Protein backbone atom coordinates (compact mmCIF):
# COMPACT_ATOMS: atom_id res chain seq x y z
CA MET A 1 0.11 0.16 0.03
CA ILE A 2 0.92 3.40 -0.94
CA THR A 3 -0.06 6.77 0.60
CA LYS A 4 -1.26 9.78 -1.68
CA ASN A 5 2.00 11.68 0.47
CA GLN A 6 4.23 9.18 -0.83
CA ILE A 7 2.59 9.44 -4.74
CA LYS A 8 3.24 13.20 -4.28
CA PHE A 9 7.06 13.19 -3.26
CA ILE A 10 8.13 10.38 -5.52
CA LYS A 11 6.46 12.26 -8.02
CA SER A 12 8.19 15.57 -7.16
CA LEU A 13 11.44 13.89 -7.84
CA SER A 14 10.87 14.17 -11.59
CA LEU A 15 11.92 17.91 -11.08
CA LYS A 16 15.98 18.75 -10.82
CA LYS A 17 15.10 21.79 -7.99
CA ASN A 18 13.25 18.81 -5.76
CA ARG A 19 15.93 16.08 -6.47
CA ILE A 20 18.69 18.73 -5.23
CA LYS A 21 16.72 19.21 -2.50
CA GLU A 22 16.19 16.09 -1.14
CA GLN A 23 19.34 14.47 -2.61
CA LEU A 24 17.25 11.62 -4.23
CA PHE A 25 16.49 11.00 -7.20
CA ILE A 26 14.51 7.60 -9.00
CA ALA A 27 15.24 4.59 -10.69
CA GLU A 28 13.13 2.19 -12.48
CA GLY A 29 12.72 -1.44 -13.92
CA GLU A 30 14.72 -4.79 -12.49
CA LYS A 31 17.66 -3.88 -14.41
CA ILE A 32 18.60 -0.61 -12.60
CA VAL A 33 17.39 -1.56 -9.64
CA SER A 34 19.45 -4.89 -9.18
CA GLU A 35 22.15 -2.78 -10.35
CA LEU A 36 21.70 -0.56 -8.15
CA LEU A 37 21.47 -2.63 -5.14
CA LYS A 38 25.06 -3.94 -5.83
CA SER A 39 26.87 -0.91 -5.98
CA ASP A 40 27.35 1.60 -3.06
CA PHE A 41 24.67 4.02 -4.13
CA GLU A 42 22.84 3.82 -0.87
CA ILE A 43 18.88 3.01 -1.42
CA LYS A 44 16.09 5.04 0.70
CA ASP A 45 12.94 2.90 -0.73
CA ILE A 46 11.43 0.25 -3.35
CA TYR A 47 8.17 0.32 -4.51
CA ALA A 48 7.90 -3.09 -5.98
CA THR A 49 4.82 -5.73 -7.78
CA LYS A 50 4.94 -9.15 -6.39
CA GLU A 51 6.41 -10.27 -9.50
CA TRP A 52 9.54 -8.59 -8.09
CA LYS A 53 11.63 -11.62 -6.44
CA ILE A 54 14.53 -10.39 -4.92
CA ASN A 55 14.52 -10.26 -1.48
CA CYS A 56 16.15 -6.78 0.27
CA ASP A 57 15.26 -4.27 3.24
CA SER A 58 13.03 -1.30 2.75
CA ILE A 59 10.43 -2.94 0.13
CA THR A 60 7.15 -1.66 0.00
CA GLN A 61 4.85 -3.98 -1.82
CA ILE A 62 2.51 -2.25 -4.47
CA SER A 63 -0.17 -3.21 -7.07
CA LYS A 64 0.81 -2.46 -10.56
CA GLY A 65 -1.76 0.17 -10.72
CA GLU A 66 0.29 1.78 -7.76
CA LEU A 67 3.25 1.44 -9.89
CA GLN A 68 1.92 3.24 -12.51
CA ARG A 69 0.53 6.12 -10.43
CA ILE A 70 4.68 6.98 -9.71
CA SER A 71 6.29 5.59 -12.36
CA ASN A 72 7.87 7.78 -15.33
CA LEU A 73 7.44 4.74 -17.61
CA LYS A 74 4.69 4.23 -20.32
CA SER A 75 5.20 0.54 -19.20
CA PRO A 76 6.27 0.07 -15.97
CA ASN A 77 8.44 -2.80 -15.01
CA LYS A 78 8.20 -4.32 -11.50
CA VAL A 79 10.08 -2.02 -9.49
CA LEU A 80 10.83 1.51 -8.43
CA ALA A 81 13.60 2.62 -6.01
CA ILE A 82 14.60 5.86 -4.13
CA VAL A 83 18.19 6.66 -4.15
CA ASN A 84 20.26 8.79 -2.38
CA PHE A 85 22.88 10.48 -4.53
CA ASN A 86 26.36 9.97 -4.79
CA ASN A 87 28.43 13.05 -4.72
CA HIS A 88 31.53 12.44 -6.73
CA LYS A 89 34.71 14.19 -6.68
CA ILE A 90 36.98 14.67 -9.87
CA ILE A 91 39.24 11.58 -9.48
CA GLU A 92 42.88 11.62 -11.26
CA HIS A 93 44.04 8.91 -13.13
CA GLU A 94 45.45 7.34 -16.71
CA GLY A 95 43.07 7.13 -19.42
CA ILE A 96 40.78 9.09 -21.31
CA THR A 97 38.20 11.31 -19.64
CA LEU A 98 35.45 12.46 -21.35
CA VAL A 99 34.08 16.27 -21.20
CA LEU A 100 30.52 17.48 -22.11
CA ASP A 101 29.81 21.30 -23.33
CA GLU A 102 26.03 21.82 -22.92
CA ILE A 103 24.77 18.65 -23.52
CA ASN A 104 20.66 19.14 -23.82
CA ASP A 105 19.07 15.31 -24.41
CA PRO A 106 18.55 13.00 -21.77
CA GLY A 107 18.76 10.22 -23.66
CA ASN A 108 22.01 11.52 -25.28
CA LEU A 109 23.74 11.68 -21.92
CA GLY A 110 22.40 8.28 -20.77
CA THR A 111 23.25 6.52 -23.75
CA ILE A 112 27.06 8.39 -23.74
CA VAL A 113 27.37 6.87 -20.04
CA ARG A 114 26.81 3.66 -21.52
CA ILE A 115 29.25 3.97 -23.97
CA CYS A 116 31.67 5.22 -21.36
CA ASP A 117 30.82 2.12 -19.70
CA TRP A 118 31.76 -0.48 -22.27
CA PHE A 119 34.85 1.26 -23.06
CA GLY A 120 36.46 1.30 -20.13
CA VAL A 121 36.15 5.40 -18.89
CA LYS A 122 35.51 5.65 -15.41
CA GLN A 123 35.01 8.97 -15.10
CA ILE A 124 32.71 12.19 -17.43
CA ILE A 125 33.15 15.79 -16.39
CA CYS A 126 30.27 17.74 -17.48
CA SER A 127 29.48 21.55 -18.19
CA LYS A 128 27.31 23.04 -15.14
CA ASN A 129 24.24 23.21 -17.87
CA THR A 130 24.73 19.87 -19.19
CA VAL A 131 21.21 18.00 -18.46
CA ASP A 132 21.31 16.29 -14.68
CA ILE A 133 22.58 12.62 -15.16
CA PHE A 134 19.81 12.07 -12.53
CA ASN A 135 17.24 13.36 -14.56
CA PRO A 136 14.74 10.30 -14.96
CA LYS A 137 15.16 9.42 -18.84
CA VAL A 138 18.94 9.55 -18.12
CA VAL A 139 19.18 7.65 -15.33
CA GLN A 140 16.86 5.24 -17.27
CA SER A 141 18.78 5.39 -20.85
CA ALA A 142 22.18 4.77 -19.08
CA MET A 143 20.74 1.49 -17.21
CA GLY A 144 22.79 0.19 -15.08
CA SER A 145 25.94 2.19 -16.09
CA VAL A 146 24.95 4.91 -13.95
CA CYS A 147 26.87 2.79 -10.92
CA ARG A 148 29.89 2.52 -12.92
CA VAL A 149 30.90 5.82 -14.44
CA GLN A 150 31.71 8.65 -12.35
CA VAL A 151 30.08 11.77 -13.31
CA ASN A 152 31.01 15.30 -12.23
CA TYR A 153 29.63 19.12 -12.95
CA THR A 154 31.98 22.00 -12.68
CA ASP A 155 32.97 25.00 -14.43
CA LEU A 156 34.72 23.33 -17.75
CA GLU A 157 36.28 26.22 -18.50
CA ASN A 158 38.43 26.64 -15.04
CA TYR A 159 38.88 22.75 -15.35
CA LEU A 160 40.48 22.36 -18.70
CA SER A 161 42.73 25.31 -18.52
CA GLU A 162 44.52 23.83 -15.22
CA ILE A 163 44.82 20.36 -17.50
CA LYS A 164 48.24 18.90 -18.32
CA THR A 165 47.34 16.00 -20.64
CA PRO A 166 46.53 16.99 -24.71
CA ILE A 167 42.50 18.56 -24.86
CA TYR A 168 41.43 16.79 -27.95
CA GLY A 169 37.82 18.27 -29.15
CA ALA A 170 35.29 16.73 -31.75
CA PHE A 171 34.51 18.99 -34.55
CA MET A 172 33.08 18.68 -38.18
CA HIS A 173 36.43 19.87 -39.71
CA GLY A 174 39.24 18.64 -37.85
CA ASN A 175 41.98 16.29 -38.15
CA HIS A 176 40.64 12.50 -39.58
CA LEU A 177 41.09 10.34 -36.79
CA ASN A 178 43.05 7.83 -39.14
CA GLU A 179 45.25 11.01 -39.58
CA VAL A 180 46.59 11.21 -36.03
CA LYS A 181 48.39 9.00 -33.72
CA LEU A 182 46.27 8.98 -30.23
CA PRO A 183 47.60 9.28 -27.02
CA LYS A 184 46.76 6.70 -23.95
CA SER A 185 46.23 9.89 -21.91
CA ALA A 186 44.01 12.46 -22.81
CA HIS A 187 40.67 14.64 -22.50
CA LEU A 188 37.95 14.48 -25.26
CA VAL A 189 35.62 17.19 -25.43
CA MET A 190 32.42 16.44 -27.22
CA GLY A 191 29.77 19.95 -28.10
CA ASN A 192 25.76 20.51 -27.86
CA GLU A 193 24.05 18.90 -30.45
CA ALA A 194 23.16 21.64 -31.98
CA ASN A 195 25.92 24.47 -31.90
CA GLY A 196 29.08 22.45 -30.98
CA ILE A 197 31.71 23.05 -28.86
CA SER A 198 31.34 26.42 -27.05
CA PRO A 199 33.94 29.49 -28.29
CA GLU A 200 35.03 29.72 -24.58
CA ILE A 201 35.97 25.88 -24.98
CA ASN A 202 37.04 26.01 -28.15
CA LYS A 203 40.07 27.84 -27.13
CA LEU A 204 40.91 25.36 -24.38
CA ILE A 205 41.05 22.68 -27.24
CA THR A 206 44.28 21.37 -28.25
CA ASP A 207 43.52 19.24 -30.90
CA LYS A 208 40.69 18.98 -33.11
CA VAL A 209 39.60 15.75 -34.91
CA SER A 210 36.80 14.35 -37.14
CA ILE A 211 35.32 11.38 -38.35
CA LYS A 212 35.63 11.13 -41.64
CA ASN A 213 32.18 11.69 -43.74
CA ILE A 214 32.42 8.57 -46.22
CA GLY A 215 29.74 8.44 -47.61
CA LYS A 216 29.27 12.93 -47.92
CA SER A 217 25.76 13.20 -47.69
CA ALA A 218 24.14 13.61 -44.32
CA GLU A 219 25.40 16.83 -42.65
CA SER A 220 26.35 15.19 -39.14
CA LEU A 221 26.24 12.61 -36.40
CA ASN A 222 24.22 12.29 -33.46
CA VAL A 223 26.63 13.27 -30.51
CA ALA A 224 26.26 9.77 -29.09
CA VAL A 225 26.92 8.19 -32.54
CA ALA A 226 29.91 10.33 -32.71
CA THR A 227 31.16 9.81 -29.15
CA SER A 228 31.10 6.00 -29.81
CA ILE A 229 33.09 6.30 -32.25
CA LEU A 230 35.79 8.50 -31.22
CA LEU A 231 35.90 6.53 -27.76
CA HIS A 232 36.75 3.17 -29.91
CA GLU A 233 39.52 4.86 -31.37
CA PHE A 234 40.97 6.38 -28.48
CA CYS A 235 40.60 3.48 -26.32
CA ASP A 236 41.36 0.87 -28.74
């Protein structure tokens, strides 16, 4: 059984200002909640139908109709969890660090997090106006990868101005990847879906790279697709 006040509170977490105030976010579905239970995230509450078979603390059993009322999905999948934020610090490490400059679309960010998980990139540095990692649509599209990839928000201009490794940026007219010897340790900057890398960040880029347009017809690639191609080359 779930109360009206609980429903109202859960629905309120769809808004960024409420997530920040409460330091909580929503995760839905068997796979994502199962991954979170194995991670270092602290789960505050779990609301699940009787079909969800995992035994753990803090479960409130609800009906499918009640799950539908609190879910952000058209077809809810057995379980919804309320999870405490993990407040990460920027880590120093060898390898590739992905930098996101004003990525607006939740689906793109979630997919990029999954791509980083696939290629072993452990950290993403985001501009402060990049979409919130704990937006329900981001969490959903990132799946369990939100547990393994650290996402931090900071002033990119200040951050990149202190970086000692090469800073690569993705551009339409940079050097083709097959013409560049890529380092094992670097920062790779991906820009906004519509406008690319902002002028303030552009001036800090040390190396501009591009993906060769073999077909010559399409004007551009989706930022998540481009990120996947670039990380395949950088992380190979």
